[in-house]
Amino acid sequence: QVQLVESGGGLVQAGDSLRLSCVASGIIWSGNAMGWYRQAPGKERELVARYLTGGAIKYADSVKDRFTIFRDSAKRTTYLQMNNLKPEDTAVYFCNFRRDKDYWGQGTQVTVSS
């Protein structure tokens, strides 16, 4: 059974930093199958950052140069380092594992006040 458990969200002020973590279990680990998405109220879920086949990384334009995705394969953990947070980054952040289908964590709330 695939389990993705996110942590690290919270309430911060604009300009602050947060680091999200996603621990994966029940999968054959592949770091290239991991990614982060977010969903703001009233909006569709959108890509934040993810690994692609071959190890390349794709970032949403809105987070480039501010967010960094990285992983620790020994810990089966994928991280999202978020710097210089903005109010528009407020959303529920979801960890994603993509293999035969998309698997999702329960999400962690990030709220950025101005």
C-alpha atoms as a PDB file:
ATOM      1  CA  GLN A   1       0.000   0.000   0.000  1.00  0.00           C
ATOM      2  CA  VAL A   2       1.452   3.307  -1.084  1.00  0.00           C
ATOM      3  CA  GLN A   3       1.763   5.888   1.677  1.00  0.00           C
ATOM      4  CA  LEU A   4       3.034   9.408   1.272  1.00  0.00           C
ATOM      5  CA  VAL A   5       3.218  11.458   4.452  1.00  0.00           C
ATOM      6  CA  GLU A   6       3.895  15.175   4.208  1.00  0.00           C
ATOM      7  CA  SER A   7       5.011  17.454   7.001  1.00  0.00           C
ATOM      8  CA  GLY A   8       6.524  20.875   7.519  1.00  0.00           C
ATOM      9  CA  GLY A   9       3.688  23.219   6.638  1.00  0.00           C
ATOM     10  CA  GLY A  10       2.665  26.133   8.780  1.00  0.00           C
ATOM     11  CA  LEU A  11       1.836  29.816   9.074  1.00  0.00           C
ATOM     12  CA  VAL A  12       4.658  32.160   8.149  1.00  0.00           C
ATOM     13  CA  GLN A  13       5.167  35.749   7.073  1.00  0.00           C
ATOM     14  CA  ALA A  14       6.078  36.917   3.601  1.00  0.00           C
ATOM     15  CA  GLY A  15       9.807  36.506   3.028  1.00  0.00           C
ATOM     16  CA  ASP A  16      10.137  33.561   5.403  1.00  0.00           C
ATOM     17  CA  SER A  17      11.235  30.037   4.528  1.00  0.00           C
ATOM     18  CA  LEU A  18       9.767  26.582   5.065  1.00  0.00           C
ATOM     19  CA  ARG A  19      10.930  23.076   4.259  1.00  0.00           C
ATOM     20  CA  LEU A  20       8.345  20.428   3.445  1.00  0.00           C
ATOM     21  CA  SER A  21       9.101  16.727   3.726  1.00  0.00           C
ATOM     22  CA  CYS A  22       7.447  13.698   2.155  1.00  0.00           C
ATOM     23  CA  VAL A  23       8.239  10.225   3.411  1.00  0.00           C
ATOM     24  CA  ALA A  24       7.247   7.413   1.052  1.00  0.00           C
ATOM     25  CA  SER A  25       6.475   3.813   1.958  1.00  0.00           C
ATOM     26  CA  GLY A  26       4.925   0.870   0.205  1.00  0.00           C
ATOM     27  CA  ILE A  27       6.628   1.683  -3.081  1.00  0.00           C
ATOM     28  CA  ILE A  28       9.638   0.610  -5.053  1.00  0.00           C
ATOM     29  CA  TRP A  29      11.549   3.824  -4.519  1.00  0.00           C
ATOM     30  CA  SER A  30      12.298   5.924  -7.541  1.00  0.00           C
ATOM     31  CA  GLY A  31      13.328   9.458  -6.843  1.00  0.00           C
ATOM     32  CA  ASN A  32      12.505  10.387 -10.409  1.00  0.00           C
ATOM     33  CA  ALA A  33       8.855   9.572  -9.756  1.00  0.00           C
ATOM     34  CA  MET A  34       8.424  12.172  -7.004  1.00  0.00           C
ATOM     35  CA  GLY A  35       6.998  15.662  -7.130  1.00  0.00           C
ATOM     36  CA  TRP A  36       5.203  18.444  -5.261  1.00  0.00           C
ATOM     37  CA  TYR A  37       1.924  20.056  -6.221  1.00  0.00           C
ATOM     38  CA  ARG A  38      -0.300  22.613  -4.529  1.00  0.00           C
ATOM     39  CA  GLN A  39      -3.914  23.631  -4.476  1.00  0.00           C
ATOM     40  CA  ALA A  40      -5.158  27.029  -3.379  1.00  0.00           C
ATOM     41  CA  PRO A  41      -8.803  27.610  -2.387  1.00  0.00           C
ATOM     42  CA  GLY A  42     -11.030  27.736  -5.439  1.00  0.00           C
ATOM     43  CA  LYS A  43      -8.216  26.758  -7.771  1.00  0.00           C
ATOM     44  CA  GLU A  44      -7.074  23.584  -9.479  1.00  0.00           C
ATOM     45  CA  ARG A  45      -4.139  21.572  -8.250  1.00  0.00           C
ATOM     46  CA  GLU A  46      -0.953  22.730  -9.961  1.00  0.00           C
ATOM     47  CA  LEU A  47       2.593  21.556 -10.347  1.00  0.00           C
ATOM     48  CA  VAL A  48       5.168  23.151  -8.064  1.00  0.00           C
ATOM     49  CA  ALA A  49       8.230  21.017  -8.771  1.00  0.00           C
ATOM     50  CA  ARG A  50       8.919  17.461  -9.798  1.00  0.00           C
ATOM     51  CA  TYR A  51      11.592  15.124 -10.997  1.00  0.00           C
ATOM     52  CA  LEU A  52      11.366  13.892 -14.556  1.00  0.00           C
ATOM     53  CA  THR A  53      12.688  10.801 -16.266  1.00  0.00           C
ATOM     54  CA  GLY A  54      16.448  10.983 -16.310  1.00  0.00           C
ATOM     55  CA  GLY A  55      16.611  13.103 -13.191  1.00  0.00           C
ATOM     56  CA  ALA A  56      15.792  16.467 -14.703  1.00  0.00           C
ATOM     57  CA  ILE A  57      13.652  18.812 -12.598  1.00  0.00           C
ATOM     58  CA  LYS A  58      10.699  20.896 -13.670  1.00  0.00           C
ATOM     59  CA  TYR A  59       9.608  23.942 -11.673  1.00  0.00           C
ATOM     60  CA  ALA A  60       6.565  26.115 -12.049  1.00  0.00           C
ATOM     61  CA  ASP A  61       7.591  29.529 -13.334  1.00  0.00           C
ATOM     62  CA  SER A  62       6.115  31.158 -10.234  1.00  0.00           C
ATOM     63  CA  VAL A  63       8.535  29.350  -7.900  1.00  0.00           C
ATOM     64  CA  LYS A  64      11.735  29.243  -9.933  1.00  0.00           C
ATOM     65  CA  ASP A  65      14.708  30.661  -8.034  1.00  0.00           C
ATOM     66  CA  ARG A  66      12.757  30.465  -4.757  1.00  0.00           C
ATOM     67  CA  PHE A  67      11.887  26.777  -4.313  1.00  0.00           C
ATOM     68  CA  THR A  68      14.154  23.747  -4.521  1.00  0.00           C
ATOM     69  CA  ILE A  69      13.162  20.096  -4.668  1.00  0.00           C
ATOM     70  CA  PHE A  70      15.671  17.549  -3.435  1.00  0.00           C
ATOM     71  CA  ARG A  71      15.655  14.024  -2.080  1.00  0.00           C
ATOM     72  CA  ASP A  72      17.332  11.601   0.257  1.00  0.00           C
ATOM     73  CA  SER A  73      16.931   8.158  -1.286  1.00  0.00           C
ATOM     74  CA  ALA A  74      18.236   6.378   1.819  1.00  0.00           C
ATOM     75  CA  LYS A  75      15.363   7.931   3.776  1.00  0.00           C
ATOM     76  CA  ARG A  76      12.842   7.652   0.925  1.00  0.00           C
ATOM     77  CA  THR A  77      12.176  11.306   1.545  1.00  0.00           C
ATOM     78  CA  THR A  78      11.557  14.130  -0.882  1.00  0.00           C
ATOM     79  CA  TYR A  79      11.876  17.711   0.267  1.00  0.00           C
ATOM     80  CA  LEU A  80      10.686  21.082  -0.931  1.00  0.00           C
ATOM     81  CA  GLN A  81      12.740  23.998   0.310  1.00  0.00           C
ATOM     82  CA  MET A  82      10.702  27.166  -0.035  1.00  0.00           C
ATOM     83  CA  ASN A  83      12.439  30.522   0.356  1.00  0.00           C
ATOM     84  CA  ASN A  84      11.153  34.071   0.090  1.00  0.00           C
ATOM     85  CA  LEU A  85       7.580  32.905   0.490  1.00  0.00           C
ATOM     86  CA  LYS A  86       4.815  35.111  -0.851  1.00  0.00           C
ATOM     87  CA  PRO A  87       1.113  35.325   0.074  1.00  0.00           C
ATOM     88  CA  GLU A  88       0.274  33.776  -3.310  1.00  0.00           C
ATOM     89  CA  ASP A  89       2.137  30.634  -2.225  1.00  0.00           C
ATOM     90  CA  THR A  90      -0.645  29.963   0.285  1.00  0.00           C
ATOM     91  CA  ALA A  91      -2.083  26.533  -0.526  1.00  0.00           C
ATOM     92  CA  VAL A  92      -2.265  22.922   0.520  1.00  0.00           C
ATOM     93  CA  TYR A  93       0.896  21.229  -0.706  1.00  0.00           C
ATOM     94  CA  PHE A  94       0.722  17.627  -1.851  1.00  0.00           C
ATOM     95  CA  CYS A  95       3.424  15.065  -2.400  1.00  0.00           C
ATOM     96  CA  ASN A  96       3.060  12.989  -5.559  1.00  0.00           C
ATOM     97  CA  PHE A  97       4.403   9.617  -6.643  1.00  0.00           C
ATOM     98  CA  ARG A  98       3.841   8.792 -10.285  1.00  0.00           C
ATOM     99  CA  ARG A  99       4.169   5.246 -11.529  1.00  0.00           C
ATOM    100  CA  ASP A 100       1.265   3.336 -13.039  1.00  0.00           C
ATOM    101  CA  LYS A 101      -0.934   6.145 -11.747  1.00  0.00           C
ATOM    102  CA  ASP A 102      -0.703   9.179  -9.503  1.00  0.00           C
ATOM    103  CA  TYR A 103      -0.494   8.611  -5.780  1.00  0.00           C
ATOM    104  CA  TRP A 104      -1.021  11.516  -3.359  1.00  0.00           C
ATOM    105  CA  GLY A 105      -0.314  12.347   0.224  1.00  0.00           C
ATOM    106  CA  GLN A 106      -2.875  13.957   2.518  1.00  0.00           C
ATOM    107  CA  GLY A 107      -1.398  17.404   2.037  1.00  0.00           C
ATOM    108  CA  THR A 108       0.120  19.986   4.348  1.00  0.00           C
ATOM    109  CA  GLN A 109      -1.165  23.544   4.684  1.00  0.00           C
ATOM    110  CA  VAL A 110       1.140  26.451   3.968  1.00  0.00           C
ATOM    111  CA  THR A 111      -0.184  29.903   4.813  1.00  0.00           C
ATOM    112  CA  VAL A 112       1.840  33.011   4.070  1.00  0.00           C
ATOM    113  CA  SER A 113       0.687  36.293   5.585  1.00  0.00           C
ATOM    114  CA  SER A 114       1.577  39.657   4.114  1.00  0.00           C
END
